[in-house]
Amino acid sequence: MQTVDIMQEIQRLPLNKKFYVVEETIKSIKTDELNHQTELAVDELYNDYVNDKELTAFTTLDFEKFYEAK
């Protein structure tokens, strides 16, 4: 289906369905953008976490038993 066909189909919808299409499209765009920004951040920081031991120093504590004071 071509973009023109999709637009024609949307124009045939009742108003509430048009709003639904717009809302879902915006949600999808926001999700895609958030995922893209997250991937960029991961790529940018990956080498820092691999090479800078200060950034991962506390991960050695992850396997120690932790007792909460009551």
N, C-alpha and C. Protein backbone atom coordinates (compact mmCIF):
# COMPACT_ATOMS: atom_id res chain seq x y z
N MET A 1 0.85 -1.18 0.00
CA MET A 1 0.00 0.00 0.00
C MET A 1 0.90 1.24 0.00
N GLN A 2 0.59 2.16 -0.86
CA GLN A 2 1.35 3.40 -0.99
C GLN A 2 0.86 4.44 0.02
N THR A 3 1.67 5.43 0.26
CA THR A 3 1.31 6.50 1.20
C THR A 3 0.02 7.20 0.77
N VAL A 4 -0.13 7.42 -0.51
CA VAL A 4 -1.34 8.07 -1.03
C VAL A 4 -2.57 7.23 -0.70
N ASP A 5 -2.45 5.92 -0.84
CA ASP A 5 -3.57 5.02 -0.53
C ASP A 5 -3.91 5.08 0.96
N ILE A 6 -2.90 5.10 1.78
CA ILE A 6 -3.12 5.17 3.23
C ILE A 6 -3.83 6.47 3.59
N MET A 7 -3.37 7.57 3.02
CA MET A 7 -3.99 8.87 3.30
C MET A 7 -5.46 8.88 2.86
N GLN A 8 -5.74 8.29 1.73
CA GLN A 8 -7.13 8.24 1.26
C GLN A 8 -8.00 7.40 2.20
N GLU A 9 -7.45 6.31 2.67
CA GLU A 9 -8.19 5.47 3.61
C GLU A 9 -8.45 6.21 4.92
N ILE A 10 -7.46 6.94 5.40
CA ILE A 10 -7.63 7.70 6.64
C ILE A 10 -8.70 8.77 6.46
N GLN A 11 -8.72 9.41 5.32
CA GLN A 11 -9.72 10.46 5.06
C GLN A 11 -11.14 9.91 5.07
N ARG A 12 -11.30 8.65 4.79
CA ARG A 12 -12.63 8.03 4.79
C ARG A 12 -13.11 7.67 6.19
N LEU A 13 -12.22 7.67 7.15
CA LEU A 13 -12.57 7.27 8.51
C LEU A 13 -13.39 8.35 9.21
N PRO A 14 -14.20 7.94 10.20
CA PRO A 14 -14.87 8.94 11.04
C PRO A 14 -13.83 9.67 11.89
N LEU A 15 -14.19 10.81 12.40
CA LEU A 15 -13.26 11.67 13.12
C LEU A 15 -12.58 10.97 14.29
N ASN A 16 -13.33 10.23 15.09
CA ASN A 16 -12.73 9.57 16.25
C ASN A 16 -11.68 8.54 15.83
N LYS A 17 -11.88 7.88 14.71
CA LYS A 17 -10.90 6.91 14.20
C LYS A 17 -9.67 7.63 13.66
N LYS A 18 -9.88 8.79 13.06
CA LYS A 18 -8.74 9.59 12.57
C LYS A 18 -7.86 9.99 13.75
N PHE A 19 -8.50 10.45 14.83
CA PHE A 19 -7.72 10.82 16.02
C PHE A 19 -6.95 9.62 16.56
N TYR A 20 -7.59 8.46 16.55
CA TYR A 20 -6.92 7.25 17.02
C TYR A 20 -5.67 6.96 16.18
N VAL A 21 -5.80 7.07 14.87
CA VAL A 21 -4.67 6.83 13.98
C VAL A 21 -3.54 7.82 14.28
N VAL A 22 -3.89 9.08 14.46
CA VAL A 22 -2.89 10.11 14.75
C VAL A 22 -2.20 9.82 16.09
N GLU A 23 -2.98 9.51 17.11
CA GLU A 23 -2.42 9.24 18.43
C GLU A 23 -1.46 8.05 18.41
N GLU A 24 -1.87 6.98 17.77
CA GLU A 24 -1.02 5.79 17.70
C GLU A 24 0.24 6.05 16.88
N THR A 25 0.10 6.85 15.84
CA THR A 25 1.27 7.19 15.02
C THR A 25 2.27 8.02 15.83
N ILE A 26 1.77 8.98 16.58
CA ILE A 26 2.65 9.80 17.42
C ILE A 26 3.33 8.95 18.49
N LYS A 27 2.59 8.04 19.11
CA LYS A 27 3.19 7.14 20.10
C LYS A 27 4.32 6.33 19.48
N SER A 28 4.08 5.83 18.29
CA SER A 28 5.08 5.03 17.59
C SER A 28 6.33 5.84 17.27
N ILE A 29 6.13 7.07 16.83
CA ILE A 29 7.26 7.94 16.51
C ILE A 29 8.06 8.25 17.77
N LYS A 30 7.36 8.55 18.87
CA LYS A 30 8.05 8.83 20.13
C LYS A 30 8.85 7.63 20.61
N THR A 31 8.27 6.45 20.50
CA THR A 31 8.97 5.23 20.92
C THR A 31 10.20 4.99 20.06
N ASP A 32 10.05 5.16 18.76
CA ASP A 32 11.20 4.99 17.86
C ASP A 32 12.31 5.98 18.19
N GLU A 33 11.94 7.23 18.46
CA GLU A 33 12.94 8.25 18.77
C GLU A 33 13.62 7.96 20.10
N LEU A 34 12.86 7.53 21.09
CA LEU A 34 13.45 7.19 22.38
C LEU A 34 14.42 6.03 22.24
N ASN A 35 14.03 5.02 21.49
CA ASN A 35 14.93 3.88 21.25
C ASN A 35 16.20 4.31 20.53
N HIS A 36 16.05 5.18 19.57
CA HIS A 36 17.21 5.67 18.82
C HIS A 36 18.15 6.46 19.74
N GLN A 37 17.59 7.34 20.56
CA GLN A 37 18.41 8.13 21.48
C GLN A 37 19.11 7.23 22.51
N THR A 38 18.42 6.20 22.96
CA THR A 38 19.01 5.26 23.91
C THR A 38 20.18 4.51 23.26
N GLU A 39 20.00 4.08 22.04
CA GLU A 39 21.09 3.39 21.33
C GLU A 39 22.29 4.31 21.15
N LEU A 40 22.06 5.57 20.84
CA LEU A 40 23.17 6.51 20.70
C LEU A 40 23.90 6.69 22.02
N ALA A 41 23.16 6.78 23.12
CA ALA A 41 23.78 6.94 24.43
C ALA A 41 24.59 5.71 24.80
N VAL A 42 24.06 4.54 24.52
CA VAL A 42 24.79 3.30 24.81
C VAL A 42 26.09 3.26 24.02
N ASP A 43 26.00 3.55 22.74
CA ASP A 43 27.20 3.54 21.90
C ASP A 43 28.24 4.55 22.39
N GLU A 44 27.76 5.70 22.82
CA GLU A 44 28.67 6.76 23.26
C GLU A 44 29.37 6.40 24.58
N LEU A 45 28.67 5.73 25.47
CA LEU A 45 29.22 5.45 26.79
C LEU A 45 29.86 4.07 26.94
N TYR A 46 29.69 3.22 25.96
CA TYR A 46 30.18 1.84 26.08
C TYR A 46 31.68 1.78 26.38
N ASN A 47 32.48 2.49 25.62
CA ASN A 47 33.93 2.44 25.83
C ASN A 47 34.32 2.97 27.20
N ASP A 48 33.60 3.98 27.69
CA ASP A 48 33.89 4.49 29.03
C ASP A 48 33.71 3.39 30.07
N TYR A 49 32.62 2.66 29.98
CA TYR A 49 32.36 1.61 30.97
C TYR A 49 33.31 0.43 30.82
N VAL A 50 33.75 0.16 29.62
CA VAL A 50 34.69 -0.94 29.42
C VAL A 50 36.08 -0.57 29.93
N ASN A 51 36.49 0.67 29.74
CA ASN A 51 37.86 1.07 30.03
C ASN A 51 38.07 1.79 31.36
N ASP A 52 37.03 2.32 31.97
CA ASP A 52 37.18 3.09 33.21
C ASP A 52 36.66 2.27 34.38
N LYS A 53 37.57 1.69 35.13
CA LYS A 53 37.20 0.80 36.24
C LYS A 53 36.48 1.54 37.37
N GLU A 54 36.66 2.85 37.47
CA GLU A 54 35.95 3.61 38.50
C GLU A 54 34.44 3.60 38.26
N LEU A 55 34.04 3.52 37.02
CA LEU A 55 32.61 3.52 36.70
C LEU A 55 31.95 2.20 37.06
N THR A 56 32.74 1.15 37.16
CA THR A 56 32.17 -0.17 37.45
C THR A 56 32.65 -0.75 38.78
N ALA A 57 33.29 0.07 39.60
CA ALA A 57 33.88 -0.42 40.85
C ALA A 57 32.85 -1.07 41.77
N PHE A 58 31.68 -0.51 41.86
CA PHE A 58 30.68 -1.03 42.80
C PHE A 58 29.97 -2.29 42.30
N THR A 59 30.18 -2.66 41.06
CA THR A 59 29.53 -3.88 40.56
C THR A 59 30.09 -5.13 41.23
N THR A 60 31.27 -5.04 41.82
CA THR A 60 31.82 -6.20 42.54
C THR A 60 30.99 -6.52 43.77
N LEU A 61 30.25 -5.55 44.26
CA LEU A 61 29.40 -5.76 45.43
C LEU A 61 28.09 -6.46 45.08
N ASP A 62 27.78 -6.57 43.82
CA ASP A 62 26.51 -7.14 43.40
C ASP A 62 26.30 -8.56 43.90
N PHE A 63 27.36 -9.31 44.07
CA PHE A 63 27.22 -10.71 44.46
C PHE A 63 27.40 -10.94 45.95
N GLU A 64 27.66 -9.89 46.70
CA GLU A 64 27.79 -10.02 48.15
C GLU A 64 26.40 -9.99 48.78
N LYS A 65 26.27 -10.71 49.87
CA LYS A 65 24.99 -10.70 50.57
C LYS A 65 24.82 -9.36 51.27
N PHE A 66 23.64 -8.86 51.20
CA PHE A 66 23.34 -7.55 51.78
C PHE A 66 22.26 -7.74 52.83
N TYR A 67 22.55 -7.24 54.02
CA TYR A 67 21.58 -7.33 55.10
C TYR A 67 21.14 -5.93 55.47
N GLU A 68 19.85 -5.73 55.41
CA GLU A 68 19.29 -4.42 55.70
C GLU A 68 19.16 -4.25 57.21
N ALA A 69 19.60 -3.09 57.71
CA ALA A 69 19.44 -2.80 59.13
C ALA A 69 17.98 -2.50 59.42
N LYS A 70 17.48 -3.06 60.50
CA LYS A 70 16.06 -2.84 60.83
C LYS A 70 15.91 -1.95 62.02
